[in-house]
């Protein structure tokens, strides 16, 4: 038995909040420690209401890379194979740091 449970970082577009929540639940029930995005604002919300600044977005992006650092592996939630710009950067970062990356849908 390992000293600690596996840690998985969930990545993906925040438009897939429901799918990420389901993956988080399933992994948690399987005994996995899950780290995931903590803010789910869609691009249209940011543009229409100014709910998140560019500075906040940059800080959240950097924070998510630190979450990847903590993880043993990365799970990309990508319904229909969709991978956006931020998620592509996260995948590249994870691979560059030697983290295994898997996907919920073929890309």
N, C-alpha and C. Protein backbone atom coordinates (compact mmCIF):
# COMPACT_ATOMS: atom_id res chain seq x y z
N UNK A 1 0.85 -1.18 0.00
CA UNK A 1 0.00 0.00 0.00
C UNK A 1 0.89 1.25 0.00
N UNK A 2 0.58 2.22 -0.87
CA UNK A 2 1.41 3.42 -0.92
C UNK A 2 1.31 4.24 0.36
N UNK A 3 2.33 5.09 0.59
CA UNK A 3 2.32 5.94 1.79
C UNK A 3 1.20 6.96 1.76
N UNK A 4 0.79 7.34 0.57
CA UNK A 4 -0.28 8.32 0.43
C UNK A 4 -1.06 8.00 -0.83
N UNK A 5 -2.29 8.50 -0.90
CA UNK A 5 -3.07 8.29 -2.13
C UNK A 5 -2.44 9.02 -3.31
N UNK A 6 -2.75 8.56 -4.49
CA UNK A 6 -2.33 9.24 -5.71
C UNK A 6 -2.96 10.64 -5.74
N UNK A 7 -2.22 11.59 -6.31
CA UNK A 7 -2.74 12.95 -6.49
C UNK A 7 -2.90 13.19 -7.99
N UNK A 8 -4.09 13.60 -8.39
CA UNK A 8 -4.39 13.86 -9.79
C UNK A 8 -4.82 15.31 -9.93
N UNK A 9 -4.26 16.00 -10.92
CA UNK A 9 -4.66 17.36 -11.24
C UNK A 9 -5.58 17.31 -12.45
N UNK A 10 -6.77 17.84 -12.30
CA UNK A 10 -7.71 17.92 -13.41
C UNK A 10 -7.46 19.22 -14.17
N UNK A 11 -7.34 19.09 -15.48
CA UNK A 11 -7.19 20.24 -16.37
C UNK A 11 -8.30 20.19 -17.41
N UNK A 12 -8.59 21.33 -18.02
CA UNK A 12 -9.58 21.39 -19.08
C UNK A 12 -10.26 22.74 -19.08
N UNK A 13 -11.03 22.96 -20.09
CA UNK A 13 -11.77 24.22 -20.21
C UNK A 13 -12.80 24.32 -19.10
N UNK A 14 -12.89 25.50 -18.49
CA UNK A 14 -13.87 25.67 -17.42
C UNK A 14 -15.31 25.64 -17.94
N UNK A 15 -15.48 25.63 -19.26
CA UNK A 15 -16.83 25.46 -19.81
C UNK A 15 -17.36 24.06 -19.49
N UNK A 16 -16.45 23.14 -19.12
CA UNK A 16 -16.83 21.77 -18.80
C UNK A 16 -16.89 21.55 -17.29
N UNK A 17 -17.43 22.53 -16.58
CA UNK A 17 -17.51 22.46 -15.13
C UNK A 17 -18.22 21.19 -14.66
N UNK A 18 -19.32 20.85 -15.28
CA UNK A 18 -20.07 19.66 -14.85
C UNK A 18 -19.26 18.39 -15.05
N UNK A 19 -18.56 18.29 -16.19
CA UNK A 19 -17.75 17.12 -16.47
C UNK A 19 -16.56 17.03 -15.52
N UNK A 20 -15.96 18.19 -15.20
CA UNK A 20 -14.84 18.20 -14.25
C UNK A 20 -15.32 17.79 -12.86
N UNK A 21 -16.49 18.26 -12.48
CA UNK A 21 -17.05 17.89 -11.18
C UNK A 21 -17.30 16.38 -11.11
N UNK A 22 -17.80 15.80 -12.19
CA UNK A 22 -18.04 14.35 -12.22
C UNK A 22 -16.72 13.58 -12.13
N UNK A 23 -15.69 14.04 -12.85
CA UNK A 23 -14.38 13.38 -12.79
C UNK A 23 -13.81 13.50 -11.38
N UNK A 24 -13.96 14.66 -10.77
CA UNK A 24 -13.47 14.88 -9.41
C UNK A 24 -14.15 13.91 -8.46
N UNK A 25 -15.47 13.81 -8.57
CA UNK A 25 -16.23 12.90 -7.71
C UNK A 25 -15.77 11.45 -7.90
N UNK A 26 -15.67 11.01 -9.15
CA UNK A 26 -15.29 9.62 -9.43
C UNK A 26 -13.90 9.31 -8.90
N UNK A 27 -12.96 10.23 -9.11
CA UNK A 27 -11.59 10.03 -8.60
C UNK A 27 -11.57 10.02 -7.08
N UNK A 28 -12.31 10.91 -6.46
CA UNK A 28 -12.35 10.99 -5.01
C UNK A 28 -12.91 9.69 -4.42
N UNK A 29 -13.99 9.18 -5.01
CA UNK A 29 -14.55 7.90 -4.54
C UNK A 29 -13.57 6.75 -4.74
N UNK A 30 -12.67 6.88 -5.71
CA UNK A 30 -11.65 5.86 -5.96
C UNK A 30 -10.45 6.02 -5.03
N UNK A 31 -10.50 7.00 -4.11
CA UNK A 31 -9.43 7.17 -3.14
C UNK A 31 -8.30 8.06 -3.60
N UNK A 32 -8.54 8.87 -4.61
CA UNK A 32 -7.53 9.76 -5.18
C UNK A 32 -7.70 11.15 -4.57
N UNK A 33 -6.57 11.83 -4.32
CA UNK A 33 -6.59 13.24 -3.95
C UNK A 33 -6.66 14.03 -5.24
N UNK A 34 -7.64 14.92 -5.34
CA UNK A 34 -7.86 15.67 -6.58
C UNK A 34 -7.56 17.14 -6.36
N UNK A 35 -6.78 17.73 -7.27
CA UNK A 35 -6.62 19.17 -7.34
C UNK A 35 -7.18 19.60 -8.69
N UNK A 36 -7.92 20.69 -8.68
CA UNK A 36 -8.65 21.09 -9.88
C UNK A 36 -8.82 22.61 -9.89
N UNK A 37 -9.28 23.14 -11.01
CA UNK A 37 -9.56 24.58 -11.04
C UNK A 37 -10.53 24.95 -9.92
N UNK A 38 -10.29 26.11 -9.33
CA UNK A 38 -11.14 26.56 -8.24
C UNK A 38 -12.12 27.65 -8.66
N UNK A 39 -11.95 28.18 -9.87
CA UNK A 39 -12.81 29.24 -10.37
C UNK A 39 -13.34 28.81 -11.73
N UNK A 40 -14.66 28.88 -11.90
CA UNK A 40 -15.29 28.45 -13.15
C UNK A 40 -16.06 29.61 -13.77
N UNK A 41 -15.34 30.51 -14.40
CA UNK A 41 -15.98 31.60 -15.13
C UNK A 41 -15.74 31.40 -16.61
N UNK A 42 -16.79 31.45 -17.37
CA UNK A 42 -16.67 31.31 -18.81
C UNK A 42 -16.15 32.61 -19.41
N UNK A 43 -15.55 32.52 -20.59
CA UNK A 43 -15.00 33.70 -21.25
C UNK A 43 -16.06 34.78 -21.44
N UNK A 44 -17.27 34.37 -21.80
CA UNK A 44 -18.31 35.37 -22.02
C UNK A 44 -18.70 36.08 -20.72
N UNK A 45 -18.57 35.39 -19.57
CA UNK A 45 -18.83 36.04 -18.29
C UNK A 45 -17.77 37.11 -18.02
N UNK A 46 -16.51 36.78 -18.29
CA UNK A 46 -15.43 37.73 -18.06
C UNK A 46 -15.61 38.98 -18.91
N UNK A 47 -16.00 38.78 -20.17
CA UNK A 47 -16.15 39.92 -21.09
C UNK A 47 -17.36 40.77 -20.74
N UNK A 48 -18.48 40.14 -20.42
CA UNK A 48 -19.72 40.87 -20.20
C UNK A 48 -19.73 41.60 -18.86
N UNK A 49 -19.28 40.96 -17.82
CA UNK A 49 -19.43 41.52 -16.49
C UNK A 49 -18.12 41.97 -15.85
N UNK A 50 -17.00 41.71 -16.50
CA UNK A 50 -15.73 42.06 -15.90
C UNK A 50 -15.50 41.35 -14.57
N UNK A 51 -15.98 40.11 -14.45
CA UNK A 51 -15.88 39.39 -13.18
C UNK A 51 -14.46 38.96 -12.84
N UNK A 52 -13.60 38.92 -13.83
CA UNK A 52 -12.22 38.51 -13.60
C UNK A 52 -11.32 39.39 -14.46
N UNK A 53 -10.28 39.90 -13.86
CA UNK A 53 -9.35 40.77 -14.60
C UNK A 53 -8.29 39.93 -15.30
N UNK A 54 -7.59 40.55 -16.21
CA UNK A 54 -6.47 39.87 -16.87
C UNK A 54 -5.42 39.45 -15.87
N UNK A 55 -5.19 40.30 -14.87
CA UNK A 55 -4.22 39.98 -13.83
C UNK A 55 -4.66 38.77 -13.02
N UNK A 56 -5.94 38.70 -12.69
CA UNK A 56 -6.46 37.54 -11.95
C UNK A 56 -6.35 36.28 -12.80
N UNK A 57 -6.65 36.38 -14.08
CA UNK A 57 -6.56 35.21 -14.98
C UNK A 57 -5.12 34.70 -15.02
N UNK A 58 -4.16 35.61 -15.14
CA UNK A 58 -2.75 35.21 -15.16
C UNK A 58 -2.36 34.54 -13.85
N UNK A 59 -2.84 35.08 -12.73
CA UNK A 59 -2.53 34.49 -11.43
C UNK A 59 -3.14 33.10 -11.29
N UNK A 60 -4.39 32.94 -11.76
CA UNK A 60 -5.03 31.62 -11.72
C UNK A 60 -4.30 30.62 -12.60
N UNK A 61 -3.86 31.05 -13.78
CA UNK A 61 -3.10 30.17 -14.68
C UNK A 61 -1.81 29.70 -14.01
N UNK A 62 -1.09 30.63 -13.37
CA UNK A 62 0.16 30.28 -12.69
C UNK A 62 -0.11 29.34 -11.51
N UNK A 63 -1.18 29.60 -10.78
CA UNK A 63 -1.54 28.74 -9.66
C UNK A 63 -1.84 27.32 -10.13
N UNK A 64 -2.50 27.20 -11.29
CA UNK A 64 -2.83 25.86 -11.78
C UNK A 64 -1.56 25.09 -12.15
N UNK A 65 -0.55 25.78 -12.65
CA UNK A 65 0.72 25.10 -12.92
C UNK A 65 1.33 24.56 -11.63
N UNK A 66 1.18 25.27 -10.53
CA UNK A 66 1.68 24.78 -9.24
C UNK A 66 0.89 23.55 -8.81
N UNK A 67 -0.40 23.52 -9.14
CA UNK A 67 -1.21 22.33 -8.84
C UNK A 67 -0.69 21.13 -9.63
N UNK A 68 -0.32 21.37 -10.87
CA UNK A 68 0.28 20.29 -11.68
C UNK A 68 1.56 19.80 -11.01
N UNK A 69 2.37 20.74 -10.48
CA UNK A 69 3.60 20.35 -9.78
C UNK A 69 3.32 19.40 -8.63
N UNK A 70 2.21 19.61 -7.92
CA UNK A 70 1.86 18.77 -6.77
C UNK A 70 1.39 17.37 -7.17
N UNK A 71 0.88 17.26 -8.38
CA UNK A 71 0.21 16.02 -8.81
C UNK A 71 1.18 14.93 -9.25
N UNK A 72 0.68 13.70 -9.15
CA UNK A 72 1.40 12.55 -9.70
C UNK A 72 1.12 12.41 -11.19
N UNK A 73 -0.08 12.83 -11.58
CA UNK A 73 -0.47 12.77 -12.99
C UNK A 73 -1.56 13.80 -13.26
N UNK A 74 -1.82 14.01 -14.55
CA UNK A 74 -2.82 14.99 -14.99
C UNK A 74 -3.91 14.26 -15.76
N UNK A 75 -5.16 14.63 -15.47
CA UNK A 75 -6.30 14.15 -16.24
C UNK A 75 -6.91 15.35 -16.94
N UNK A 76 -6.94 15.30 -18.26
CA UNK A 76 -7.54 16.38 -19.06
C UNK A 76 -8.99 16.00 -19.35
N UNK A 77 -9.90 16.84 -18.89
CA UNK A 77 -11.33 16.65 -19.16
C UNK A 77 -11.60 17.40 -20.46
N UNK A 78 -11.85 16.65 -21.53
CA UNK A 78 -11.97 17.24 -22.86
C UNK A 78 -13.10 16.62 -23.68
N UNK A 79 -14.35 16.85 -23.27
CA UNK A 79 -15.48 16.29 -24.02
C UNK A 79 -15.40 16.65 -25.51
N UNK A 80 -15.63 15.64 -26.33
CA UNK A 80 -15.57 15.85 -27.78
C UNK A 80 -14.17 16.09 -28.29
N UNK A 81 -13.17 15.90 -27.44
CA UNK A 81 -11.78 16.11 -27.85
C UNK A 81 -11.33 17.55 -27.77
N UNK A 82 -12.17 18.44 -27.23
CA UNK A 82 -11.84 19.87 -27.20
C UNK A 82 -10.70 20.17 -26.22
N UNK A 83 -9.69 20.88 -26.72
CA UNK A 83 -8.59 21.35 -25.89
C UNK A 83 -8.30 22.79 -26.30
N UNK A 84 -8.51 23.72 -25.37
CA UNK A 84 -8.29 25.13 -25.64
C UNK A 84 -6.84 25.54 -25.42
N UNK A 85 -6.60 26.81 -25.58
CA UNK A 85 -5.25 27.37 -25.49
C UNK A 85 -4.63 27.18 -24.10
N UNK A 86 -5.37 27.51 -23.06
CA UNK A 86 -4.84 27.37 -21.69
C UNK A 86 -4.55 25.90 -21.37
N UNK A 87 -5.48 25.04 -21.75
CA UNK A 87 -5.28 23.61 -21.49
C UNK A 87 -4.10 23.07 -22.27
N UNK A 88 -3.91 23.54 -23.49
CA UNK A 88 -2.74 23.11 -24.27
C UNK A 88 -1.45 23.49 -23.56
N UNK A 89 -1.41 24.69 -22.98
CA UNK A 89 -0.21 25.12 -22.22
C UNK A 89 -0.01 24.24 -21.00
N UNK A 90 -1.10 23.89 -20.33
CA UNK A 90 -0.99 23.04 -19.15
C UNK A 90 -0.50 21.65 -19.51
N UNK A 91 -0.98 21.11 -20.62
CA UNK A 91 -0.52 19.79 -21.07
C UNK A 91 0.97 19.84 -21.39
N UNK A 92 1.40 20.87 -22.11
CA UNK A 92 2.82 21.01 -22.45
C UNK A 92 3.67 21.13 -21.19
N UNK A 93 3.19 21.90 -20.21
CA UNK A 93 3.91 22.06 -18.95
C UNK A 93 4.01 20.71 -18.23
N UNK A 94 2.90 20.01 -18.13
CA UNK A 94 2.89 18.71 -17.44
C UNK A 94 3.86 17.75 -18.10
N UNK A 95 3.83 17.68 -19.40
CA UNK A 95 4.74 16.76 -20.11
C UNK A 95 6.19 17.18 -19.93
N UNK A 96 6.47 18.49 -19.95
CA UNK A 96 7.83 18.98 -19.78
C UNK A 96 8.37 18.66 -18.39
N UNK A 97 7.48 18.55 -17.41
CA UNK A 97 7.91 18.24 -16.05
C UNK A 97 7.81 16.74 -15.76
N UNK A 98 7.49 15.94 -16.79
CA UNK A 98 7.49 14.49 -16.64
C UNK A 98 6.22 13.90 -16.06
N UNK A 99 5.14 14.67 -16.03
CA UNK A 99 3.88 14.14 -15.49
C UNK A 99 3.14 13.37 -16.57
N UNK A 100 2.66 12.19 -16.24
CA UNK A 100 1.79 11.48 -17.20
C UNK A 100 0.51 12.26 -17.41
N UNK A 101 0.04 12.28 -18.65
CA UNK A 101 -1.18 13.00 -19.03
C UNK A 101 -2.13 12.03 -19.68
N UNK A 102 -3.37 12.00 -19.20
CA UNK A 102 -4.42 11.20 -19.85
C UNK A 102 -5.62 12.09 -20.14
N UNK A 103 -6.51 11.59 -20.96
CA UNK A 103 -7.64 12.38 -21.46
C UNK A 103 -8.93 11.61 -21.27
N UNK A 104 -10.02 12.34 -21.02
CA UNK A 104 -11.31 11.68 -20.88
C UNK A 104 -11.86 11.29 -22.25
N UNK A 105 -11.51 12.04 -23.29
CA UNK A 105 -11.95 11.76 -24.66
C UNK A 105 -10.73 11.77 -25.58
N UNK A 106 -10.76 10.96 -26.62
CA UNK A 106 -9.64 11.01 -27.57
C UNK A 106 -9.54 12.39 -28.19
N UNK A 107 -8.32 12.87 -28.36
CA UNK A 107 -8.17 14.22 -28.94
C UNK A 107 -7.66 14.15 -30.36
